[in-house]
């Protein structure tokens, strides 16, 4: 985080929708049930959900203040003269704090079930990996205020995800703070500038001193 405290980040959900229809010769639509046409309806419903969520959720602390939903890749069918029997879509959903991944999946399944019945196909939704929840630590928490005072920077919100929500679920005040730079992450020759190591060590020393060595005043 460039030694700037981070107290919020979005979550990451990467999901796959599989549609199983019935293939048949294209000369007669009655010979099958098109998974591709059903997917057309699915994408339309997902775009409607995206507009709905972006209307309901907004957090101006983020550079992109709305939740995002990206259709990443789609595969289906095998020949122009065959009714498409199978189609799959993979998408990326970035929820804001306050949006629970499991609840979002439940909503998506509820919206897709009528389409399965309408097109007489089977529609399945499954995660590509367990979702990383969104994260938010209260601005008034002691850890956030301490980090802001010691770094001289107000706590920020970022678009990438971390292990912070899992530590928070254990009951810990949690903050994301480190010397690296997200601009060079996940690239060849990813690096950490050596001149950031000593400031990081000093910052950690001052935090340890605050929590472990200074007498704490009991609350009235």
C-alpha atoms as a PDB file:
ATOM      1  CA  UNK A   1       0.000   0.000   0.000  1.00  0.00           C
ATOM      2  CA  UNK A   2       3.005   2.333  -0.231  1.00  0.00           C
ATOM      3  CA  UNK A   3       2.922   2.696   3.568  1.00  0.00           C
ATOM      4  CA  UNK A   4      -0.520   4.260   3.383  1.00  0.00           C
ATOM      5  CA  UNK A   5      -3.154   2.700   5.661  1.00  0.00           C
ATOM      6  CA  UNK A   6      -6.068   0.956   3.927  1.00  0.00           C
ATOM      7  CA  UNK A   7      -9.293   0.298   5.824  1.00  0.00           C
ATOM      8  CA  UNK A   8     -11.632  -0.721   2.982  1.00  0.00           C
ATOM      9  CA  UNK A   9     -11.478  -2.903  -0.087  1.00  0.00           C
ATOM     10  CA  UNK A  10     -13.976  -4.554  -2.389  1.00  0.00           C
ATOM     11  CA  UNK A  11     -14.586  -8.273  -2.477  1.00  0.00           C
ATOM     12  CA  UNK A  12     -13.887 -10.596  -5.390  1.00  0.00           C
ATOM     13  CA  UNK A  13     -16.298 -13.190  -6.768  1.00  0.00           C
ATOM     14  CA  UNK A  14     -15.509 -15.177  -9.910  1.00  0.00           C
ATOM     15  CA  UNK A  15     -18.448 -17.375 -10.907  1.00  0.00           C
ATOM     16  CA  UNK A  16     -19.475 -19.716 -13.721  1.00  0.00           C
ATOM     17  CA  UNK A  17     -22.941 -20.202 -15.167  1.00  0.00           C
ATOM     18  CA  UNK A  18     -23.449 -23.477 -17.036  1.00  0.00           C
ATOM     19  CA  UNK A  19     -26.514 -24.040 -19.206  1.00  0.00           C
ATOM     20  CA  UNK A  20     -27.393 -27.512 -20.429  1.00  0.00           C
ATOM     21  CA  UNK A  21     -29.978 -27.590 -23.208  1.00  0.00           C
ATOM     22  CA  UNK A  22     -30.707 -30.170 -25.867  1.00  0.00           C
ATOM     23  CA  UNK A  23     -28.876 -30.259 -29.191  1.00  0.00           C
ATOM     24  CA  UNK A  24     -30.578 -31.067 -32.459  1.00  0.00           C
ATOM     25  CA  UNK A  25     -30.573 -30.228 -36.164  1.00  0.00           C
ATOM     26  CA  UNK A  26     -30.965 -26.533 -36.841  1.00  0.00           C
ATOM     27  CA  UNK A  27     -33.567 -27.138 -39.557  1.00  0.00           C
ATOM     28  CA  UNK A  28     -36.283 -27.387 -36.914  1.00  0.00           C
ATOM     29  CA  UNK A  29     -36.161 -25.528 -33.556  1.00  0.00           C
ATOM     30  CA  UNK A  30     -38.481 -28.157 -32.084  1.00  0.00           C
ATOM     31  CA  UNK A  31     -35.646 -30.692 -32.250  1.00  0.00           C
ATOM     32  CA  UNK A  32     -33.887 -29.146 -29.251  1.00  0.00           C
ATOM     33  CA  UNK A  33     -33.617 -26.450 -26.592  1.00  0.00           C
ATOM     34  CA  UNK A  34     -30.939 -23.850 -27.287  1.00  0.00           C
ATOM     35  CA  UNK A  35     -28.528 -23.204 -24.427  1.00  0.00           C
ATOM     36  CA  UNK A  36     -27.208 -20.230 -26.380  1.00  0.00           C
ATOM     37  CA  UNK A  37     -30.607 -18.546 -26.582  1.00  0.00           C
ATOM     38  CA  UNK A  38     -31.107 -19.219 -22.884  1.00  0.00           C
ATOM     39  CA  UNK A  39     -27.720 -17.607 -22.195  1.00  0.00           C
ATOM     40  CA  UNK A  40     -28.911 -14.521 -24.087  1.00  0.00           C
ATOM     41  CA  UNK A  41     -31.672 -14.239 -21.503  1.00  0.00           C
ATOM     42  CA  UNK A  42     -29.234 -14.918 -18.660  1.00  0.00           C
ATOM     43  CA  UNK A  43     -26.911 -12.109 -19.732  1.00  0.00           C
ATOM     44  CA  UNK A  44     -29.845  -9.729 -19.991  1.00  0.00           C
ATOM     45  CA  UNK A  45     -30.979 -10.661 -16.480  1.00  0.00           C
ATOM     46  CA  UNK A  46     -27.444 -10.257 -15.114  1.00  0.00           C
ATOM     47  CA  UNK A  47     -27.180  -6.803 -16.704  1.00  0.00           C
ATOM     48  CA  UNK A  48     -30.474  -5.897 -15.033  1.00  0.00           C
ATOM     49  CA  UNK A  49     -29.085  -7.095 -11.694  1.00  0.00           C
ATOM     50  CA  UNK A  50     -25.943  -5.063 -12.257  1.00  0.00           C
ATOM     51  CA  UNK A  51     -27.976  -1.896 -12.810  1.00  0.00           C
ATOM     52  CA  UNK A  52     -30.051  -2.699  -9.736  1.00  0.00           C
ATOM     53  CA  UNK A  53     -27.021  -3.231  -7.482  1.00  0.00           C
ATOM     54  CA  UNK A  54     -25.288  -0.135  -8.827  1.00  0.00           C
ATOM     55  CA  UNK A  55     -28.427   1.828  -7.991  1.00  0.00           C
ATOM     56  CA  UNK A  56     -28.584   0.416  -4.455  1.00  0.00           C
ATOM     57  CA  UNK A  57     -24.917   0.505  -3.445  1.00  0.00           C
ATOM     58  CA  UNK A  58     -22.493   3.432  -3.650  1.00  0.00           C
ATOM     59  CA  UNK A  59     -19.348   4.213  -1.690  1.00  0.00           C
ATOM     60  CA  UNK A  60     -17.574   7.416  -2.740  1.00  0.00           C
ATOM     61  CA  UNK A  61     -14.410   6.386  -0.883  1.00  0.00           C
ATOM     62  CA  UNK A  62     -13.583   4.076  -3.809  1.00  0.00           C
ATOM     63  CA  UNK A  63     -12.242   5.316  -7.142  1.00  0.00           C
ATOM     64  CA  UNK A  64     -14.990   3.185  -8.724  1.00  0.00           C
ATOM     65  CA  UNK A  65     -17.792   3.797  -6.194  1.00  0.00           C
ATOM     66  CA  UNK A  66     -20.197   1.155  -7.525  1.00  0.00           C
ATOM     67  CA  UNK A  67     -20.032  -2.652  -7.460  1.00  0.00           C
ATOM     68  CA  UNK A  68     -18.881  -3.976 -10.828  1.00  0.00           C
ATOM     69  CA  UNK A  69     -19.860  -7.071 -12.809  1.00  0.00           C
ATOM     70  CA  UNK A  70     -17.746  -8.089 -15.801  1.00  0.00           C
ATOM     71  CA  UNK A  71     -18.632 -10.802 -18.327  1.00  0.00           C
ATOM     72  CA  UNK A  72     -15.196 -12.286 -18.902  1.00  0.00           C
ATOM     73  CA  UNK A  73     -15.602 -15.245 -21.246  1.00  0.00           C
ATOM     74  CA  UNK A  74     -18.310 -17.326 -22.906  1.00  0.00           C
ATOM     75  CA  UNK A  75     -18.240 -20.711 -24.653  1.00  0.00           C
ATOM     76  CA  UNK A  76     -20.998 -22.680 -26.334  1.00  0.00           C
ATOM     77  CA  UNK A  77     -22.110 -24.734 -29.276  1.00  0.00           C
ATOM     78  CA  UNK A  78     -20.112 -26.718 -31.809  1.00  0.00           C
ATOM     79  CA  UNK A  79     -21.526 -26.073 -35.290  1.00  0.00           C
ATOM     80  CA  UNK A  80     -23.720 -23.507 -37.053  1.00  0.00           C
ATOM     81  CA  UNK A  81     -26.220 -26.166 -38.183  1.00  0.00           C
ATOM     82  CA  UNK A  82     -26.758 -27.640 -34.724  1.00  0.00           C
ATOM     83  CA  UNK A  83     -28.920 -26.283 -31.938  1.00  0.00           C
ATOM     84  CA  UNK A  84     -26.546 -25.302 -29.146  1.00  0.00           C
ATOM     85  CA  UNK A  85     -26.746 -27.904 -26.389  1.00  0.00           C
ATOM     86  CA  UNK A  86     -24.337 -26.386 -23.881  1.00  0.00           C
ATOM     87  CA  UNK A  87     -23.146 -22.881 -23.041  1.00  0.00           C
ATOM     88  CA  UNK A  88     -21.080 -21.451 -20.195  1.00  0.00           C
ATOM     89  CA  UNK A  89     -20.314 -17.947 -18.985  1.00  0.00           C
ATOM     90  CA  UNK A  90     -17.659 -16.840 -16.495  1.00  0.00           C
ATOM     91  CA  UNK A  91     -17.966 -13.457 -14.809  1.00  0.00           C
ATOM     92  CA  UNK A  92     -16.260 -11.304 -12.189  1.00  0.00           C
ATOM     93  CA  UNK A  93     -18.280  -9.517  -9.502  1.00  0.00           C
ATOM     94  CA  UNK A  94     -16.655  -6.961  -7.172  1.00  0.00           C
ATOM     95  CA  UNK A  95     -19.026  -6.291  -4.245  1.00  0.00           C
ATOM     96  CA  UNK A  96     -18.753  -3.323  -1.919  1.00  0.00           C
ATOM     97  CA  UNK A  97     -18.596  -3.671   1.868  1.00  0.00           C
ATOM     98  CA  UNK A  98     -22.068  -4.641   3.067  1.00  0.00           C
ATOM     99  CA  UNK A  99     -22.732  -6.963   0.117  1.00  0.00           C
ATOM    100  CA  UNK A 100     -22.550 -10.598   1.237  1.00  0.00           C
ATOM    101  CA  UNK A 101     -21.292 -13.022  -1.463  1.00  0.00           C
ATOM    102  CA  UNK A 102     -23.627 -15.847  -0.449  1.00  0.00           C
ATOM    103  CA  UNK A 103     -26.651 -13.560  -0.538  1.00  0.00           C
ATOM    104  CA  UNK A 104     -25.606 -12.323  -3.974  1.00  0.00           C
ATOM    105  CA  UNK A 105     -25.408 -15.911  -5.237  1.00  0.00           C
ATOM    106  CA  UNK A 106     -28.861 -16.627  -3.822  1.00  0.00           C
ATOM    107  CA  UNK A 107     -30.297 -13.596  -5.630  1.00  0.00           C
ATOM    108  CA  UNK A 108     -28.668 -14.639  -8.919  1.00  0.00           C
ATOM    109  CA  UNK A 109     -30.045 -18.187  -8.642  1.00  0.00           C
ATOM    110  CA  UNK A 110     -33.531 -16.860  -7.922  1.00  0.00           C
ATOM    111  CA  UNK A 111     -33.402 -14.616 -10.992  1.00  0.00           C
ATOM    112  CA  UNK A 112     -32.139 -17.380 -13.286  1.00  0.00           C
ATOM    113  CA  UNK A 113     -34.612 -20.104 -12.320  1.00  0.00           C
ATOM    114  CA  UNK A 114     -37.540 -18.640 -14.329  1.00  0.00           C
ATOM    115  CA  UNK A 115     -35.276 -18.519 -17.395  1.00  0.00           C
ATOM    116  CA  UNK A 116     -34.468 -22.211 -17.000  1.00  0.00           C
ATOM    117  CA  UNK A 117     -38.170 -23.008 -16.970  1.00  0.00           C
ATOM    118  CA  UNK A 118     -38.922 -20.679 -19.883  1.00  0.00           C
ATOM    119  CA  UNK A 119     -36.226 -22.164 -22.144  1.00  0.00           C
ATOM    120  CA  UNK A 120     -36.556 -25.746 -20.809  1.00  0.00           C
ATOM    121  CA  UNK A 121     -32.878 -25.952 -19.915  1.00  0.00           C
ATOM    122  CA  UNK A 122     -30.806 -26.607 -16.805  1.00  0.00           C
ATOM    123  CA  UNK A 123     -28.939 -23.612 -15.372  1.00  0.00           C
ATOM    124  CA  UNK A 124     -26.230 -24.062 -12.729  1.00  0.00           C
ATOM    125  CA  UNK A 125     -24.225 -21.385 -10.899  1.00  0.00           C
ATOM    126  CA  UNK A 126     -20.966 -22.261  -9.136  1.00  0.00           C
ATOM    127  CA  UNK A 127     -17.973 -20.256  -7.856  1.00  0.00           C
ATOM    128  CA  UNK A 128     -14.625 -20.655  -9.601  1.00  0.00           C
ATOM    129  CA  UNK A 129     -13.065 -20.184  -6.151  1.00  0.00           C
ATOM    130  CA  UNK A 130     -14.428 -19.257  -2.719  1.00  0.00           C
ATOM    131  CA  UNK A 131     -15.239 -15.568  -2.728  1.00  0.00           C
ATOM    132  CA  UNK A 132     -13.047 -13.035  -0.937  1.00  0.00           C
ATOM    133  CA  UNK A 133     -15.442 -10.872   1.093  1.00  0.00           C
ATOM    134  CA  UNK A 134     -15.326  -7.105   1.005  1.00  0.00           C
ATOM    135  CA  UNK A 135     -13.528  -5.489   3.944  1.00  0.00           C
ATOM    136  CA  UNK A 136     -14.190  -2.418   6.054  1.00  0.00           C
ATOM    137  CA  UNK A 137     -12.628  -1.369   9.338  1.00  0.00           C
ATOM    138  CA  UNK A 138     -14.378   1.473  11.150  1.00  0.00           C
ATOM    139  CA  UNK A 139     -12.738   4.857  10.610  1.00  0.00           C
ATOM    140  CA  UNK A 140     -12.918   5.630  14.334  1.00  0.00           C
ATOM    141  CA  UNK A 141     -11.194   2.422  15.460  1.00  0.00           C
ATOM    142  CA  UNK A 142      -8.002   2.838  17.469  1.00  0.00           C
ATOM    143  CA  UNK A 143      -5.854   0.963  14.952  1.00  0.00           C
ATOM    144  CA  UNK A 144      -6.954   3.170  12.066  1.00  0.00           C
ATOM    145  CA  UNK A 145      -6.427   6.380  14.009  1.00  0.00           C
ATOM    146  CA  UNK A 146      -2.990   5.212  15.177  1.00  0.00           C
ATOM    147  CA  UNK A 147      -1.905   4.303  11.651  1.00  0.00           C
ATOM    148  CA  UNK A 148      -3.134   7.642  10.299  1.00  0.00           C
ATOM    149  CA  UNK A 149      -1.222   9.523  12.998  1.00  0.00           C
ATOM    150  CA  UNK A 150       1.998   7.567  12.503  1.00  0.00           C
ATOM    151  CA  UNK A 151       1.979   7.618   8.691  1.00  0.00           C
ATOM    152  CA  UNK A 152       0.547  11.086   8.170  1.00  0.00           C
ATOM    153  CA  UNK A 153      -1.988   9.693   5.676  1.00  0.00           C
ATOM    154  CA  UNK A 154      -5.724   9.258   5.952  1.00  0.00           C
ATOM    155  CA  UNK A 155      -6.862   5.644   5.613  1.00  0.00           C
ATOM    156  CA  UNK A 156      -7.903   4.799   2.053  1.00  0.00           C
ATOM    157  CA  UNK A 157     -10.056   2.369   0.054  1.00  0.00           C
ATOM    158  CA  UNK A 158      -8.525   0.145  -2.648  1.00  0.00           C
ATOM    159  CA  UNK A 159      -9.793  -2.055  -5.447  1.00  0.00           C
ATOM    160  CA  UNK A 160      -7.681  -5.141  -4.705  1.00  0.00           C
ATOM    161  CA  UNK A 161      -8.540  -7.777  -2.097  1.00  0.00           C
ATOM    162  CA  UNK A 162      -6.525  -9.195   0.812  1.00  0.00           C
ATOM    163  CA  UNK A 163      -6.774 -11.582   3.763  1.00  0.00           C
ATOM    164  CA  UNK A 164      -8.011  -8.707   5.952  1.00  0.00           C
ATOM    165  CA  UNK A 165     -11.682  -9.828   6.153  1.00  0.00           C
ATOM    166  CA  UNK A 166     -10.661 -13.260   7.467  1.00  0.00           C
ATOM    167  CA  UNK A 167      -8.588 -11.725  10.268  1.00  0.00           C
ATOM    168  CA  UNK A 168     -11.461  -9.376  11.035  1.00  0.00           C
ATOM    169  CA  UNK A 169     -13.814 -12.358  11.315  1.00  0.00           C
ATOM    170  CA  UNK A 170     -11.600 -13.619  14.164  1.00  0.00           C
ATOM    171  CA  UNK A 171     -12.499 -10.486  16.110  1.00  0.00           C
ATOM    172  CA  UNK A 172      -9.348  -8.469  15.383  1.00  0.00           C
ATOM    173  CA  UNK A 173      -9.187  -4.815  14.465  1.00  0.00           C
ATOM    174  CA  UNK A 174      -7.593  -5.073  11.035  1.00  0.00           C
ATOM    175  CA  UNK A 175      -5.723  -2.741   8.726  1.00  0.00           C
ATOM    176  CA  UNK A 176      -3.900  -3.264   5.428  1.00  0.00           C
ATOM    177  CA  UNK A 177      -0.534  -1.528   5.498  1.00  0.00           C
ATOM    178  CA  UNK A 178       2.752  -2.366   3.820  1.00  0.00           C
ATOM    179  CA  UNK A 179       5.746  -0.997   1.903  1.00  0.00           C
ATOM    180  CA  UNK A 180       5.034  -2.500  -1.530  1.00  0.00           C
ATOM    181  CA  UNK A 181       3.370  -0.833  -4.503  1.00  0.00           C
ATOM    182  CA  UNK A 182       0.257  -2.347  -6.096  1.00  0.00           C
ATOM    183  CA  UNK A 183       1.289  -0.799  -9.430  1.00  0.00           C
ATOM    184  CA  UNK A 184       4.048  -3.395  -9.826  1.00  0.00           C
ATOM    185  CA  UNK A 185       2.152  -6.370  -8.370  1.00  0.00           C
ATOM    186  CA  UNK A 186       1.521  -9.551 -10.416  1.00  0.00           C
ATOM    187  CA  UNK A 187       4.038  -8.505 -13.056  1.00  0.00           C
ATOM    188  CA  UNK A 188       7.479  -9.717 -14.159  1.00  0.00           C
ATOM    189  CA  UNK A 189      10.259  -8.437 -11.909  1.00  0.00           C
ATOM    190  CA  UNK A 190       7.878  -7.504  -9.091  1.00  0.00           C
ATOM    191  CA  UNK A 191      10.014  -5.710  -6.538  1.00  0.00           C
ATOM    192  CA  UNK A 192      10.167  -3.862  -3.213  1.00  0.00           C
ATOM    193  CA  UNK A 193      12.263  -0.711  -2.958  1.00  0.00           C
ATOM    194  CA  UNK A 194      14.998  -1.180  -0.349  1.00  0.00           C
ATOM    195  CA  UNK A 195      14.615   2.369   0.949  1.00  0.00           C
ATOM    196  CA  UNK A 196      11.115   1.466   2.176  1.00  0.00           C
ATOM    197  CA  UNK A 197      12.285  -1.256   4.542  1.00  0.00           C
ATOM    198  CA  UNK A 198      13.645   0.947   7.317  1.00  0.00           C
ATOM    199  CA  UNK A 199      10.546   3.242   7.413  1.00  0.00           C
ATOM    200  CA  UNK A 200       8.402   0.097   7.651  1.00  0.00           C
ATOM    201  CA  UNK A 201      10.459  -1.254  10.545  1.00  0.00           C
ATOM    202  CA  UNK A 202      10.218   2.070  12.370  1.00  0.00           C
ATOM    203  CA  UNK A 203       6.451   2.207  11.806  1.00  0.00           C
ATOM    204  CA  UNK A 204       5.999  -1.292  13.214  1.00  0.00           C
ATOM    205  CA  UNK A 205       8.220  -0.419  16.206  1.00  0.00           C
ATOM    206  CA  UNK A 206       6.045   2.601  17.010  1.00  0.00           C
ATOM    207  CA  UNK A 207       2.873   0.506  16.742  1.00  0.00           C
ATOM    208  CA  UNK A 208       4.327  -2.147  19.036  1.00  0.00           C
ATOM    209  CA  UNK A 209       5.388   0.550  21.468  1.00  0.00           C
ATOM    210  CA  UNK A 210       1.861   1.990  21.489  1.00  0.00           C
ATOM    211  CA  UNK A 211       0.094  -1.319  22.112  1.00  0.00           C
ATOM    212  CA  UNK A 212       2.646  -3.217  24.186  1.00  0.00           C
ATOM    213  CA  UNK A 213       4.846  -0.751  26.083  1.00  0.00           C
ATOM    214  CA  UNK A 214       2.755   2.320  26.817  1.00  0.00           C
ATOM    215  CA  UNK A 215       0.435   2.158  29.830  1.00  0.00           C
ATOM    216  CA  UNK A 216      -3.188   2.157  28.671  1.00  0.00           C
ATOM    217  CA  UNK A 217      -5.664   4.480  30.410  1.00  0.00           C
ATOM    218  CA  UNK A 218      -8.751   2.623  31.549  1.00  0.00           C
ATOM    219  CA  UNK A 219     -12.013   3.878  30.077  1.00  0.00           C
ATOM    220  CA  UNK A 220     -14.319   5.719  32.471  1.00  0.00           C
END
